[in-house]
Amino acid sequence: MKPVSRNILITGASTGIGYGAARQFTRKGYTVYGSVRSQPDADRLQAELGTNFVPLLFDVTDADAVDAAARTLTGLLAGSGLGGLINNAGIAIGGPLQHQPLDIVRQHFEVNVLGLLRVTQAFLPLLGAHENHPVQPGRIQNISSVNGQVAIPFMGAYVGSKHAVEGLSHSLRRELILYGIEVVIVGPGAVKTPIWGKGTAIDAYKPTAYYPAMQGFLKQVQAAESRGLSVDYLGERIVQIHETPNPRIRYAIVPQKLIGWTLPRLLPARTLDWVLGRITGLRKPVD
């Protein structure tokens, strides 16, 4: 059964998939409460998306700000509740795990995993996670990635965080049966979004043996990005998933799905190692 409330909360709404989802939900008449981290972003989105968009200023890693936003939204909704929570905020910073600073690895888990859970805990009462909720339970969509199930080199911190999001989502879905709240995993493939451009600086790894392969990897990422799905298409699919009466547990939204999703999961792990080694130049030459 699809949620009744027309109120949607989207984290990371300023750019990328979050922005695409916010645009599509507002176009369909929903009221979108979108998390942004700066007032200029809040002003820009209000101007672009109109009165159906209401910005909430908070960073998912700031517990006090998240709790304050939950109190604010509770007051704004005045008992009407949330129909949906789209946990979208995330980061992706490339680097070989042998050399990537642990502070950067930790940041991935702070934003992509703990930030997601922090927001979920704070807003679950508005989704119906209490006994006297006045409206039908809402629905959660956790934005994962192809890399939540398929690990690629040079993105280990991101891959690890998305694997964690998937495991957390499965447990959360089973726990929230108690309240009738659905939890759906959305795993996009390549998307035309700034998240990759923000994390593709590789000069820090120039002194390492990985640098030549990283140069090739960056070109592949940029090529995949240019062929990727638009954020508006992802936004449309997220709206469709929200409105589906009986959603699937997980959706893979991937361009060139056979190559980008089906085959990597069907191939034996050692075979995929060999393929990725050839593609990236990471295979050690045979004497």
Protein backbone atom coordinates (compact mmCIF):
# COMPACT_ATOMS: atom_id res chain seq x y z
CA MET A 1 0.00 0.00 0.00
CA LYS A 2 1.51 3.33 -1.01
CA PRO A 3 1.86 6.12 1.60
CA VAL A 4 -0.94 8.67 1.91
CA SER A 5 0.94 11.72 3.17
CA ARG A 6 2.21 13.99 0.38
CA ASN A 7 5.15 15.20 2.48
CA ILE A 8 8.61 13.97 1.44
CA LEU A 9 12.01 14.48 3.10
CA ILE A 10 15.10 14.22 0.86
CA THR A 11 18.65 14.52 2.17
CA GLY A 12 21.35 15.98 -0.04
CA ALA A 13 18.83 17.85 -2.18
CA SER A 14 21.12 20.58 -3.49
CA THR A 15 22.64 18.61 -6.40
CA GLY A 16 22.66 15.26 -8.14
CA ILE A 17 20.11 12.53 -7.47
CA GLY A 18 18.64 14.40 -4.51
CA TYR A 19 18.00 17.45 -6.67
CA GLY A 20 16.48 15.32 -9.44
CA ALA A 21 14.16 13.63 -6.94
CA ALA A 22 13.16 16.94 -5.37
CA ARG A 23 12.34 18.38 -8.78
CA GLN A 24 10.20 15.40 -9.80
CA PHE A 25 8.32 15.18 -6.50
CA THR A 26 7.51 18.91 -6.52
CA ARG A 27 6.33 18.67 -10.13
CA LYS A 28 3.85 16.01 -9.04
CA GLY A 29 2.44 18.19 -6.31
CA TYR A 30 4.28 16.78 -3.30
CA THR A 31 5.70 19.05 -0.63
CA VAL A 32 9.42 18.35 -0.43
CA TYR A 33 11.52 19.13 2.62
CA GLY A 34 15.10 19.02 1.38
CA SER A 35 18.27 19.05 3.44
CA VAL A 36 20.91 21.51 2.29
CA ARG A 37 24.11 22.65 3.98
CA SER A 38 24.13 26.34 3.08
CA GLN A 39 21.69 29.23 2.88
CA PRO A 40 22.65 30.06 -0.74
CA ASP A 41 21.68 26.52 -1.74
CA ALA A 42 18.41 26.89 0.16
CA ASP A 43 17.64 30.16 -1.62
CA ARG A 44 18.55 28.74 -5.05
CA LEU A 45 16.37 25.65 -4.65
CA GLN A 46 13.39 27.64 -3.41
CA ALA A 47 13.69 29.91 -6.46
CA GLU A 48 14.03 26.96 -8.85
CA LEU A 49 11.50 24.54 -7.35
CA GLY A 50 8.87 26.94 -6.04
CA THR A 51 6.64 26.90 -3.02
CA ASN A 52 6.42 23.11 -2.88
CA PHE A 53 10.04 22.98 -1.78
CA VAL A 54 10.97 23.80 1.82
CA PRO A 55 14.71 23.76 2.70
CA LEU A 56 15.99 22.33 5.98
CA LEU A 57 19.51 23.46 6.88
CA PHE A 58 21.48 20.55 8.29
CA ASP A 59 24.45 18.29 7.65
CA VAL A 60 23.71 14.59 8.18
CA THR A 61 26.88 14.28 10.28
CA ASP A 62 25.70 16.97 12.76
CA ALA A 63 23.50 15.23 15.34
CA ASP A 64 22.31 18.46 16.96
CA ALA A 65 21.34 19.98 13.61
CA VAL A 66 19.51 16.81 12.53
CA ASP A 67 17.55 16.70 15.79
CA ALA A 68 16.71 20.40 15.50
CA ALA A 69 15.45 19.84 11.93
CA ALA A 70 13.29 16.95 13.14
CA ARG A 71 11.72 19.19 15.79
CA THR A 72 11.16 21.94 13.22
CA LEU A 73 9.52 19.56 10.77
CA THR A 74 7.34 18.04 13.48
CA GLY A 75 5.97 21.51 14.12
CA LEU A 76 5.52 22.30 10.43
CA LEU A 77 3.64 19.10 9.69
CA ALA A 78 1.29 19.53 12.64
CA GLY A 79 0.41 15.85 12.89
CA SER A 80 0.16 15.08 9.17
CA GLY A 81 3.35 12.99 9.13
CA LEU A 82 5.88 12.16 6.41
CA GLY A 83 4.97 10.00 3.45
CA GLY A 84 8.55 9.35 2.45
CA LEU A 85 12.19 9.67 3.46
CA ILE A 86 14.79 9.56 0.68
CA ASN A 87 18.21 8.99 2.27
CA ASN A 88 20.36 10.33 -0.54
CA ALA A 89 23.19 12.41 0.98
CA GLY A 90 26.56 10.83 0.27
CA ILE A 91 30.19 11.29 -0.73
CA ALA A 92 32.56 9.36 -3.01
CA ILE A 93 36.30 10.05 -2.85
CA GLY A 94 38.62 7.80 -4.80
CA GLY A 95 41.95 6.37 -3.72
CA PRO A 96 43.77 3.05 -3.24
CA LEU A 97 43.05 1.65 0.20
CA GLN A 98 46.73 0.98 0.82
CA HIS A 99 47.38 4.73 0.84
CA GLN A 100 44.05 6.50 1.38
CA PRO A 101 44.08 8.41 4.69
CA LEU A 102 41.85 6.82 7.31
CA ASP A 103 40.21 10.20 7.94
CA ILE A 104 38.83 10.05 4.39
CA VAL A 105 37.70 6.45 4.83
CA ARG A 106 36.04 7.40 8.12
CA GLN A 107 34.29 10.35 6.44
CA HIS A 108 32.58 7.96 4.01
CA PHE A 109 31.09 5.99 6.87
CA GLU A 110 30.17 9.11 8.84
CA VAL A 111 28.21 10.53 5.90
CA ASN A 112 27.01 7.51 3.92
CA VAL A 113 26.20 5.15 6.79
CA LEU A 114 26.00 6.82 10.19
CA GLY A 115 24.51 9.99 8.70
CA LEU A 116 21.84 7.92 6.98
CA LEU A 117 21.02 6.10 10.22
CA ARG A 118 21.08 9.32 12.25
CA VAL A 119 18.52 10.94 9.93
CA THR A 120 16.39 7.80 9.89
CA GLN A 121 16.29 7.58 13.68
CA ALA A 122 15.41 11.27 14.02
CA PHE A 123 12.54 11.22 11.50
CA LEU A 124 11.09 7.75 12.03
CA PRO A 125 8.38 9.05 14.41
CA LEU A 126 7.10 11.26 11.55
CA LEU A 127 7.03 8.19 9.29
CA GLY A 128 4.81 6.35 11.74
CA ALA A 129 7.21 4.54 14.07
CA HIS A 130 5.08 4.97 17.16
CA GLU A 131 1.79 3.51 18.29
CA ASN A 132 -0.44 6.55 17.87
CA HIS A 133 0.71 7.82 14.49
CA PRO A 134 -2.28 9.71 12.98
CA VAL A 135 -1.68 8.76 9.31
CA GLN A 136 -0.70 5.73 7.26
CA PRO A 137 2.99 4.71 7.63
CA GLY A 138 5.52 6.29 5.31
CA ARG A 139 8.24 4.68 3.18
CA ILE A 140 12.04 4.91 3.25
CA GLN A 141 14.25 4.75 0.18
CA ASN A 142 17.97 4.33 0.90
CA ILE A 143 20.11 5.36 -2.06
CA SER A 144 22.86 2.80 -2.43
CA SER A 145 24.80 2.07 -5.63
CA VAL A 146 25.80 -0.70 -8.01
CA ASN A 147 28.89 -0.66 -5.78
CA GLY A 148 26.74 -1.71 -2.85
CA GLN A 149 27.05 -5.20 -4.35
CA VAL A 150 29.88 -4.98 -6.91
CA ALA A 151 33.25 -3.87 -5.56
CA ILE A 152 35.57 -1.92 -7.84
CA PRO A 153 39.16 -0.80 -7.22
CA PHE A 154 40.07 2.73 -6.13
CA MET A 155 36.66 3.30 -4.57
CA GLY A 156 37.03 0.96 -1.59
CA ALA A 157 35.87 3.42 1.06
CA TYR A 158 32.74 4.25 -0.96
CA VAL A 159 32.15 0.57 -1.78
CA GLY A 160 32.50 -0.42 1.88
CA SER A 161 30.05 2.27 2.98
CA LYS A 162 27.48 1.22 0.37
CA HIS A 163 27.82 -2.46 1.34
CA ALA A 164 27.09 -1.29 4.89
CA VAL A 165 24.04 0.68 3.72
CA GLU A 166 22.64 -2.44 2.07
CA GLY A 167 23.09 -4.63 5.15
CA LEU A 168 21.67 -1.96 7.42
CA SER A 169 18.69 -1.52 5.10
CA HIS A 170 17.83 -5.20 5.14
CA SER A 171 17.87 -5.32 8.95
CA LEU A 172 15.92 -2.07 9.22
CA ARG A 173 13.28 -3.32 6.78
CA ARG A 174 12.69 -6.40 8.88
CA GLU A 175 12.55 -4.43 12.12
CA LEU A 176 10.11 -1.86 10.76
CA ILE A 177 7.58 -4.54 9.84
CA LEU A 178 6.40 -3.74 13.37
CA TYR A 179 5.09 -0.37 12.14
CA GLY A 180 4.31 -1.20 8.51
CA ILE A 181 7.10 1.07 7.23
CA GLU A 182 8.69 -0.15 3.97
CA VAL A 183 12.45 0.19 3.44
CA VAL A 184 13.58 0.03 -0.19
CA ILE A 185 17.16 -0.01 -1.52
CA VAL A 186 17.79 1.94 -4.72
CA GLY A 187 21.08 1.06 -6.43
CA PRO A 188 21.91 3.38 -9.33
CA GLY A 189 24.68 2.76 -11.81
CA ALA A 190 26.47 5.59 -13.62
CA VAL A 191 24.66 8.90 -13.19
CA LYS A 192 25.44 12.36 -14.51
CA THR A 193 26.05 13.79 -11.06
CA PRO A 194 28.79 15.92 -9.44
CA ILE A 195 29.47 13.32 -6.73
CA TRP A 196 32.23 11.71 -8.83
CA GLY A 197 33.75 14.97 -10.00
CA LYS A 198 34.15 16.05 -6.39
CA GLY A 199 36.26 13.01 -5.54
CA THR A 200 38.48 12.28 -8.54
CA ALA A 201 41.67 14.23 -7.64
CA ILE A 202 44.45 11.67 -7.94
CA ASP A 203 47.66 13.72 -7.73
CA ALA A 204 48.03 12.82 -4.05
CA TYR A 205 48.78 9.27 -5.21
CA LYS A 206 51.35 10.23 -7.86
CA PRO A 207 54.27 8.81 -5.83
CA THR A 208 52.57 5.39 -5.59
CA ALA A 209 52.63 2.41 -7.93
CA TYR A 210 48.87 2.82 -8.42
CA TYR A 211 49.08 6.20 -10.18
CA PRO A 212 49.19 4.97 -13.83
CA ALA A 213 46.19 2.69 -13.26
CA MET A 214 44.34 5.48 -11.46
CA GLN A 215 44.79 7.75 -14.47
CA GLY A 216 43.10 5.17 -16.66
CA PHE A 217 40.42 4.57 -14.06
CA LEU A 218 39.61 8.28 -13.91
CA LYS A 219 39.12 8.38 -17.68
CA GLN A 220 36.77 5.40 -17.45
CA VAL A 221 34.77 7.07 -14.68
CA GLN A 222 34.46 10.26 -16.73
CA ALA A 223 33.38 8.28 -19.82
CA ALA A 224 30.80 6.32 -17.82
CA GLU A 225 29.55 9.56 -16.30
CA SER A 226 29.05 11.09 -19.75
CA ARG A 227 26.90 8.07 -20.71
CA GLY A 228 25.15 7.93 -17.37
CA LEU A 229 21.52 8.35 -16.49
CA SER A 230 20.20 11.85 -15.94
CA VAL A 231 19.28 12.95 -12.43
CA ASP A 232 15.77 13.69 -13.68
CA TYR A 233 15.38 10.09 -14.85
CA LEU A 234 16.56 8.85 -11.44
CA GLY A 235 14.15 11.31 -9.82
CA GLU A 236 11.25 9.94 -11.90
CA ARG A 237 12.11 6.38 -10.90
CA ILE A 238 12.32 7.34 -7.22
CA VAL A 239 8.84 8.88 -7.44
CA GLN A 240 7.55 5.72 -9.16
CA ILE A 241 9.04 3.54 -6.43
CA HIS A 242 7.45 5.73 -3.78
CA GLU A 243 4.05 5.41 -5.45
CA THR A 244 4.24 1.65 -6.11
CA PRO A 245 1.76 -0.13 -3.83
CA ASN A 246 4.01 -3.18 -3.30
CA PRO A 247 7.61 -2.18 -4.00
CA ARG A 248 10.46 -4.61 -4.49
CA ILE A 249 13.15 -4.87 -1.84
CA ARG A 250 15.85 -3.52 -4.16
CA TYR A 251 15.92 -1.68 -7.49
CA ALA A 252 18.97 -1.66 -9.76
CA ILE A 253 18.71 1.40 -12.01
CA VAL A 254 21.64 0.91 -14.32
CA PRO A 255 22.46 1.94 -17.91
CA GLN A 256 23.76 -0.97 -20.02
CA LYS A 257 22.37 -3.26 -17.34
CA LEU A 258 23.81 -6.49 -18.74
CA ILE A 259 27.40 -5.25 -18.62
CA GLY A 260 27.08 -2.92 -15.66
CA TRP A 261 25.02 -5.09 -13.31
CA THR A 262 24.03 -8.57 -14.40
CA LEU A 263 27.36 -9.99 -15.60
CA PRO A 264 29.52 -8.63 -12.75
CA ARG A 265 27.23 -10.39 -10.26
CA LEU A 266 27.08 -13.66 -12.22
CA LEU A 267 30.79 -14.04 -12.98
CA PRO A 268 32.91 -15.98 -10.49
CA ALA A 269 34.81 -13.56 -8.25
CA ARG A 270 38.24 -14.60 -9.61
CA THR A 271 37.05 -14.10 -13.17
CA LEU A 272 35.79 -10.62 -12.31
CA ASP A 273 39.16 -9.93 -10.64
CA TRP A 274 40.86 -10.82 -13.92
CA VAL A 275 38.51 -8.67 -15.99
CA LEU A 276 38.90 -5.65 -13.73
CA GLY A 277 42.63 -6.15 -13.66
CA ARG A 278 42.77 -6.04 -17.44
CA ILE A 279 40.47 -3.02 -17.66
CA THR A 280 42.33 -0.99 -15.04
CA GLY A 281 45.89 -2.08 -15.74
CA LEU A 282 46.29 -3.48 -12.25
CA ARG A 283 47.37 -6.95 -13.35
CA LYS A 284 50.96 -7.64 -12.46
CA PRO A 285 52.98 -8.44 -15.60
CA VAL A 286 53.93 -12.09 -16.02
CA ASP A 287 57.70 -12.61 -16.30
